[in-house]
Amino acid sequence: MKDDLADAINAGIKRGGATVIPAFAVERSQELLYLLGELQDEKRIPVVPIYIDSPMAIEVLGIFREYTALLGERAKKGFLTLPNLHVASTAEQSKAINRTPGPLIIISSSGMATGGRVVHHLAQRLPRADSTVLLVGYQAVGTRGRQLQEGSTHVKIHGEKVPVRAQIRTVHGFSGHADANDLMAWMQNFIRPPLRAFAVHGEPEAARAFADRLEHELGWKVEVPRYLDTFQLPAPAKW
């Protein structure tokens, strides 16, 4: 993951424009800052301006900085003294980023490019061939991030069709979720199984596969709901 991130960042910097990273505001943005700081220290990427442009991500960064005593030395340096880090707290500061020449890195939410300030950066940077959009999280079906990941030549932003001339890259390995084995290990410790379980998160194929594991390994009754399905649930028994 870290090697792939370094390759993608270096390729974006070489193109000379902005590398826009749609990122979830809580922990994903801070994890990226940590890794970018490490890569800079290791001389694996050049030092270029890094902008974090998400009010929530900036607020969470403040919490990380407040509790640096609980973090390792590398994290302290990354969150406190990263010399090329800029925060865009106001709308005016956010807009000013798009007047800044590259190369530069913009970390902004939302992570699937469905809303938030990153949408404004995409509207400005997607039509430019020197830009890079770096996807570092799961992109759900139907989201703007998924459209970019699947090679769309245009995306709709604020009611307008925006051409995609930027390079689109994906770095896998970032995840804030437990995997199937972790979930199974947790569920095996239930005192008793639920009356019914529902697999509702993820692609339909993955949800069905996980439901099958629950049914065969734990003997649970599991449903994989489809759009507009309804279910009648019995009243819960008293514990």
Protein backbone atom coordinates (compact mmCIF):
# COMPACT_ATOMS: atom_id res chain seq x y z
CA MET A 1 0.00 0.00 0.00
CA LYS A 2 2.72 2.48 0.98
CA ASP A 3 4.75 1.65 -2.12
CA ASP A 4 1.69 2.11 -4.33
CA LEU A 5 0.95 5.43 -2.65
CA ALA A 6 4.52 6.63 -3.30
CA ASP A 7 4.29 5.58 -6.97
CA ALA A 8 0.97 7.37 -7.44
CA ILE A 9 2.11 10.56 -5.72
CA ASN A 10 5.34 10.67 -7.71
CA ALA A 11 3.44 10.15 -10.96
CA GLY A 12 1.04 12.96 -10.06
CA ILE A 13 3.86 15.33 -9.15
CA LYS A 14 5.65 14.50 -12.40
CA ARG A 15 2.54 15.53 -14.34
CA GLY A 16 2.94 18.97 -12.76
CA GLY A 17 -0.63 19.58 -11.64
CA ALA A 18 -2.76 18.85 -8.63
CA THR A 19 -3.15 15.39 -7.13
CA VAL A 20 -6.67 15.39 -5.69
CA ILE A 21 -7.34 12.71 -3.07
CA PRO A 22 -10.98 12.24 -2.08
CA ALA A 23 -10.69 10.94 1.48
CA PHE A 24 -12.96 10.25 4.40
CA ALA A 25 -12.56 13.00 6.98
CA VAL A 26 -12.13 10.83 10.07
CA GLU A 27 -8.86 8.85 10.27
CA ARG A 28 -8.38 8.30 6.52
CA SER A 29 -7.24 11.90 5.96
CA GLN A 30 -5.00 11.74 9.04
CA GLU A 31 -3.57 8.37 7.98
CA LEU A 32 -2.69 9.85 4.62
CA LEU A 33 -0.88 12.77 6.26
CA TYR A 34 1.07 10.31 8.40
CA LEU A 35 2.15 8.26 5.38
CA LEU A 36 2.97 11.30 3.26
CA GLY A 37 5.14 12.61 6.09
CA GLU A 38 6.96 9.28 6.26
CA LEU A 39 7.49 9.18 2.50
CA GLN A 40 8.90 12.71 2.56
CA ASP A 41 11.29 11.87 5.40
CA GLU A 42 12.42 8.78 3.53
CA LYS A 43 13.05 10.94 0.42
CA ARG A 44 10.66 8.76 -1.56
CA ILE A 45 8.45 11.66 -2.63
CA PRO A 46 9.35 15.33 -3.13
CA VAL A 47 8.22 18.00 -0.70
CA VAL A 48 5.30 19.82 -2.34
CA PRO A 49 2.44 21.77 -0.76
CA ILE A 50 -0.18 19.53 0.88
CA TYR A 51 -3.62 21.01 1.48
CA ILE A 52 -6.18 19.43 3.76
CA ASP A 53 -9.56 20.84 2.81
CA SER A 54 -12.36 19.43 4.91
CA PRO A 55 -13.75 21.16 8.03
CA MET A 56 -14.34 17.83 9.75
CA ALA A 57 -10.92 16.45 8.82
CA ILE A 58 -9.28 19.63 10.14
CA GLU A 59 -11.24 19.33 13.39
CA VAL A 60 -10.19 15.69 13.79
CA LEU A 61 -6.59 16.66 13.02
CA GLY A 62 -6.85 19.09 15.93
CA ILE A 63 -7.87 16.21 18.21
CA PHE A 64 -4.88 14.17 17.02
CA ARG A 65 -2.64 17.13 17.78
CA GLU A 66 -4.20 17.61 21.22
CA TYR A 67 -3.40 14.03 22.18
CA THR A 68 0.01 13.61 20.57
CA ALA A 69 1.33 12.20 23.86
CA LEU A 70 -0.54 9.02 22.96
CA LEU A 71 1.08 8.81 19.51
CA GLY A 72 4.49 7.68 18.35
CA GLU A 73 7.27 10.11 17.45
CA ARG A 74 6.65 9.80 13.70
CA ALA A 75 2.98 10.63 14.16
CA LYS A 76 3.84 13.60 16.36
CA LYS A 77 6.11 14.99 13.68
CA GLY A 78 3.61 14.35 10.91
CA PHE A 79 0.70 16.00 12.65
CA LEU A 80 2.53 18.85 14.35
CA THR A 81 5.47 19.92 12.22
CA LEU A 82 4.86 18.75 8.65
CA PRO A 83 6.39 21.87 7.06
CA ASN A 84 4.41 21.84 3.82
CA LEU A 85 0.95 21.20 5.32
CA HIS A 86 -1.73 23.86 4.82
CA VAL A 87 -5.29 23.75 6.16
CA ALA A 88 -8.22 25.36 4.39
CA SER A 89 -10.60 26.20 7.18
CA THR A 90 -12.76 28.72 5.31
CA ALA A 91 -14.57 28.61 1.98
CA GLU A 92 -12.31 31.41 0.74
CA GLN A 93 -9.19 29.41 1.59
CA SER A 94 -10.68 26.39 -0.17
CA LYS A 95 -11.36 28.37 -3.33
CA ALA A 96 -7.86 29.84 -3.26
CA ILE A 97 -6.36 26.34 -3.62
CA ASN A 98 -7.72 26.13 -7.15
CA ARG A 99 -5.73 29.26 -8.03
CA THR A 100 -2.54 27.63 -6.77
CA PRO A 101 -0.20 26.24 -9.45
CA GLY A 102 1.05 22.68 -9.15
CA PRO A 103 2.49 20.39 -8.29
CA LEU A 104 0.47 20.10 -5.10
CA ILE A 105 -1.60 17.56 -3.17
CA ILE A 106 -5.20 18.20 -2.08
CA ILE A 107 -6.83 15.91 0.50
CA SER A 108 -10.54 16.63 0.71
CA SER A 109 -13.79 14.88 1.52
CA SER A 110 -16.00 13.14 0.78
CA GLY A 111 -14.17 9.89 0.16
CA MET A 112 -16.47 8.73 -2.65
CA ALA A 113 -16.68 12.22 -4.19
CA THR A 114 -20.43 12.38 -3.61
CA GLY A 115 -20.39 15.75 -1.87
CA GLY A 116 -18.29 18.11 0.16
CA ARG A 117 -15.48 20.37 -0.92
CA VAL A 118 -13.71 17.73 -3.01
CA VAL A 119 -16.47 18.09 -5.61
CA HIS A 120 -15.41 21.70 -6.27
CA HIS A 121 -11.79 20.62 -6.70
CA LEU A 122 -12.82 17.88 -9.11
CA ALA A 123 -14.84 20.36 -11.17
CA GLN A 124 -11.71 22.48 -11.54
CA ARG A 125 -9.11 19.75 -11.95
CA LEU A 126 -10.77 16.89 -13.85
CA PRO A 127 -10.72 18.73 -17.21
CA ARG A 128 -6.95 19.31 -16.91
CA ALA A 129 -4.60 16.71 -18.34
CA ASP A 130 -1.91 17.57 -15.79
CA SER A 131 -4.20 16.58 -12.89
CA THR A 132 -4.38 13.29 -11.02
CA VAL A 133 -7.28 11.94 -8.98
CA LEU A 134 -6.13 9.35 -6.47
CA LEU A 135 -8.83 7.10 -5.01
CA VAL A 136 -7.83 5.60 -1.66
CA GLY A 137 -11.05 4.05 -0.40
CA TYR A 138 -13.95 1.86 -1.39
CA GLN A 139 -16.09 3.45 -4.08
CA ALA A 140 -19.71 2.29 -3.88
CA VAL A 141 -21.76 1.60 -7.00
CA GLY A 142 -23.47 4.75 -8.23
CA THR A 143 -21.03 7.20 -6.65
CA ARG A 144 -18.99 9.74 -8.59
CA GLY A 145 -15.83 8.05 -7.33
CA ARG A 146 -16.94 4.72 -8.78
CA GLN A 147 -17.71 6.37 -12.12
CA LEU A 148 -14.18 7.76 -12.23
CA GLN A 149 -12.70 4.45 -11.16
CA GLU A 150 -14.55 2.66 -13.97
CA GLY A 151 -13.22 5.05 -16.59
CA SER A 152 -16.07 7.48 -17.24
CA THR A 153 -15.10 10.17 -19.72
CA HIS A 154 -17.55 12.67 -18.18
CA VAL A 155 -19.10 13.05 -14.74
CA LYS A 156 -21.95 15.32 -13.69
CA ILE A 157 -21.05 18.00 -11.14
CA HIS A 158 -23.51 20.71 -10.10
CA GLY A 159 -25.72 19.78 -13.03
CA GLU A 160 -22.95 20.16 -15.61
CA LYS A 161 -21.09 17.47 -17.56
CA VAL A 162 -17.42 17.75 -16.66
CA PRO A 163 -14.91 16.07 -19.00
CA VAL A 164 -12.38 13.73 -17.42
CA ARG A 165 -8.92 14.42 -18.81
CA ALA A 166 -7.10 13.87 -15.52
CA GLN A 167 -5.34 10.62 -14.75
CA ILE A 168 -7.40 8.42 -12.40
CA ARG A 169 -5.51 6.07 -10.09
CA THR A 170 -6.50 3.78 -7.23
CA VAL A 171 -4.42 2.70 -4.26
CA HIS A 172 -5.86 -0.36 -2.53
CA GLY A 173 -5.28 -1.38 1.06
CA PHE A 174 -6.82 1.53 2.95
CA SER A 175 -9.82 0.33 4.94
CA GLY A 176 -11.62 1.36 8.10
CA HIS A 177 -13.67 -1.85 8.25
CA ALA A 178 -13.08 -5.25 9.78
CA ASP A 179 -12.80 -8.00 7.17
CA ALA A 180 -14.94 -11.14 7.03
CA ASN A 181 -12.63 -13.12 9.33
CA ASP A 182 -12.62 -10.35 11.92
CA LEU A 183 -16.42 -10.17 11.84
CA MET A 184 -16.72 -13.94 12.18
CA ALA A 185 -14.37 -13.93 15.18
CA TRP A 186 -16.52 -11.27 16.84
CA MET A 187 -19.82 -13.02 16.10
CA GLN A 188 -18.59 -16.37 17.40
CA ASN A 189 -18.55 -14.84 20.88
CA PHE A 190 -22.27 -13.98 20.93
CA ILE A 191 -24.05 -15.55 23.89
CA ARG A 192 -26.86 -16.57 21.55
CA PRO A 193 -27.53 -15.89 17.88
CA PRO A 194 -29.94 -13.18 16.78
CA LEU A 195 -33.36 -14.22 15.53
CA ARG A 196 -32.30 -12.99 12.11
CA ALA A 197 -29.25 -11.21 10.71
CA PHE A 198 -29.02 -8.93 7.67
CA ALA A 199 -25.98 -8.50 5.43
CA VAL A 200 -26.46 -4.96 4.11
CA HIS A 201 -23.00 -3.48 3.58
CA GLY A 202 -20.90 -4.04 0.48
CA GLU A 203 -21.43 -5.41 -3.01
CA PRO A 204 -24.25 -7.96 -3.39
CA GLU A 205 -21.87 -10.82 -4.21
CA ALA A 206 -19.72 -10.13 -1.16
CA ALA A 207 -22.78 -9.78 1.08
CA ARG A 208 -24.13 -13.12 -0.16
CA ALA A 209 -20.79 -14.83 0.40
CA PHE A 210 -20.63 -13.50 3.95
CA ALA A 211 -24.23 -14.54 4.62
CA ASP A 212 -23.36 -18.05 3.44
CA ARG A 213 -20.48 -18.19 5.92
CA LEU A 214 -22.74 -17.12 8.77
CA GLU A 215 -25.32 -19.73 7.83
CA HIS A 216 -22.89 -22.62 7.39
CA GLU A 217 -20.36 -21.86 10.15
CA LEU A 218 -22.62 -20.42 12.84
CA GLY A 219 -26.03 -21.69 11.84
CA TRP A 220 -27.55 -18.19 11.74
CA LYS A 221 -30.56 -17.21 9.67
CA VAL A 222 -29.31 -14.46 7.36
CA GLU A 223 -30.99 -12.26 4.78
CA VAL A 224 -29.34 -10.24 2.02
CA PRO A 225 -31.96 -7.54 1.36
CA ARG A 226 -32.55 -6.17 -2.10
CA TYR A 227 -33.77 -2.70 -2.92
CA LEU A 228 -37.30 -2.10 -1.52
CA ASP A 229 -37.43 -5.47 0.30
CA THR A 230 -39.40 -5.39 3.55
CA PHE A 231 -39.25 -7.74 6.53
CA GLN A 232 -41.55 -8.37 9.47
CA LEU A 233 -39.53 -8.72 12.67
CA PRO A 234 -40.93 -10.47 15.74
CA ALA A 235 -41.02 -8.66 19.04
CA PRO A 236 -37.74 -9.25 20.91
CA ALA A 237 -37.81 -11.78 23.71
CA LYS A 238 -36.95 -10.60 27.20
CA TRP A 239 -33.41 -11.32 28.27
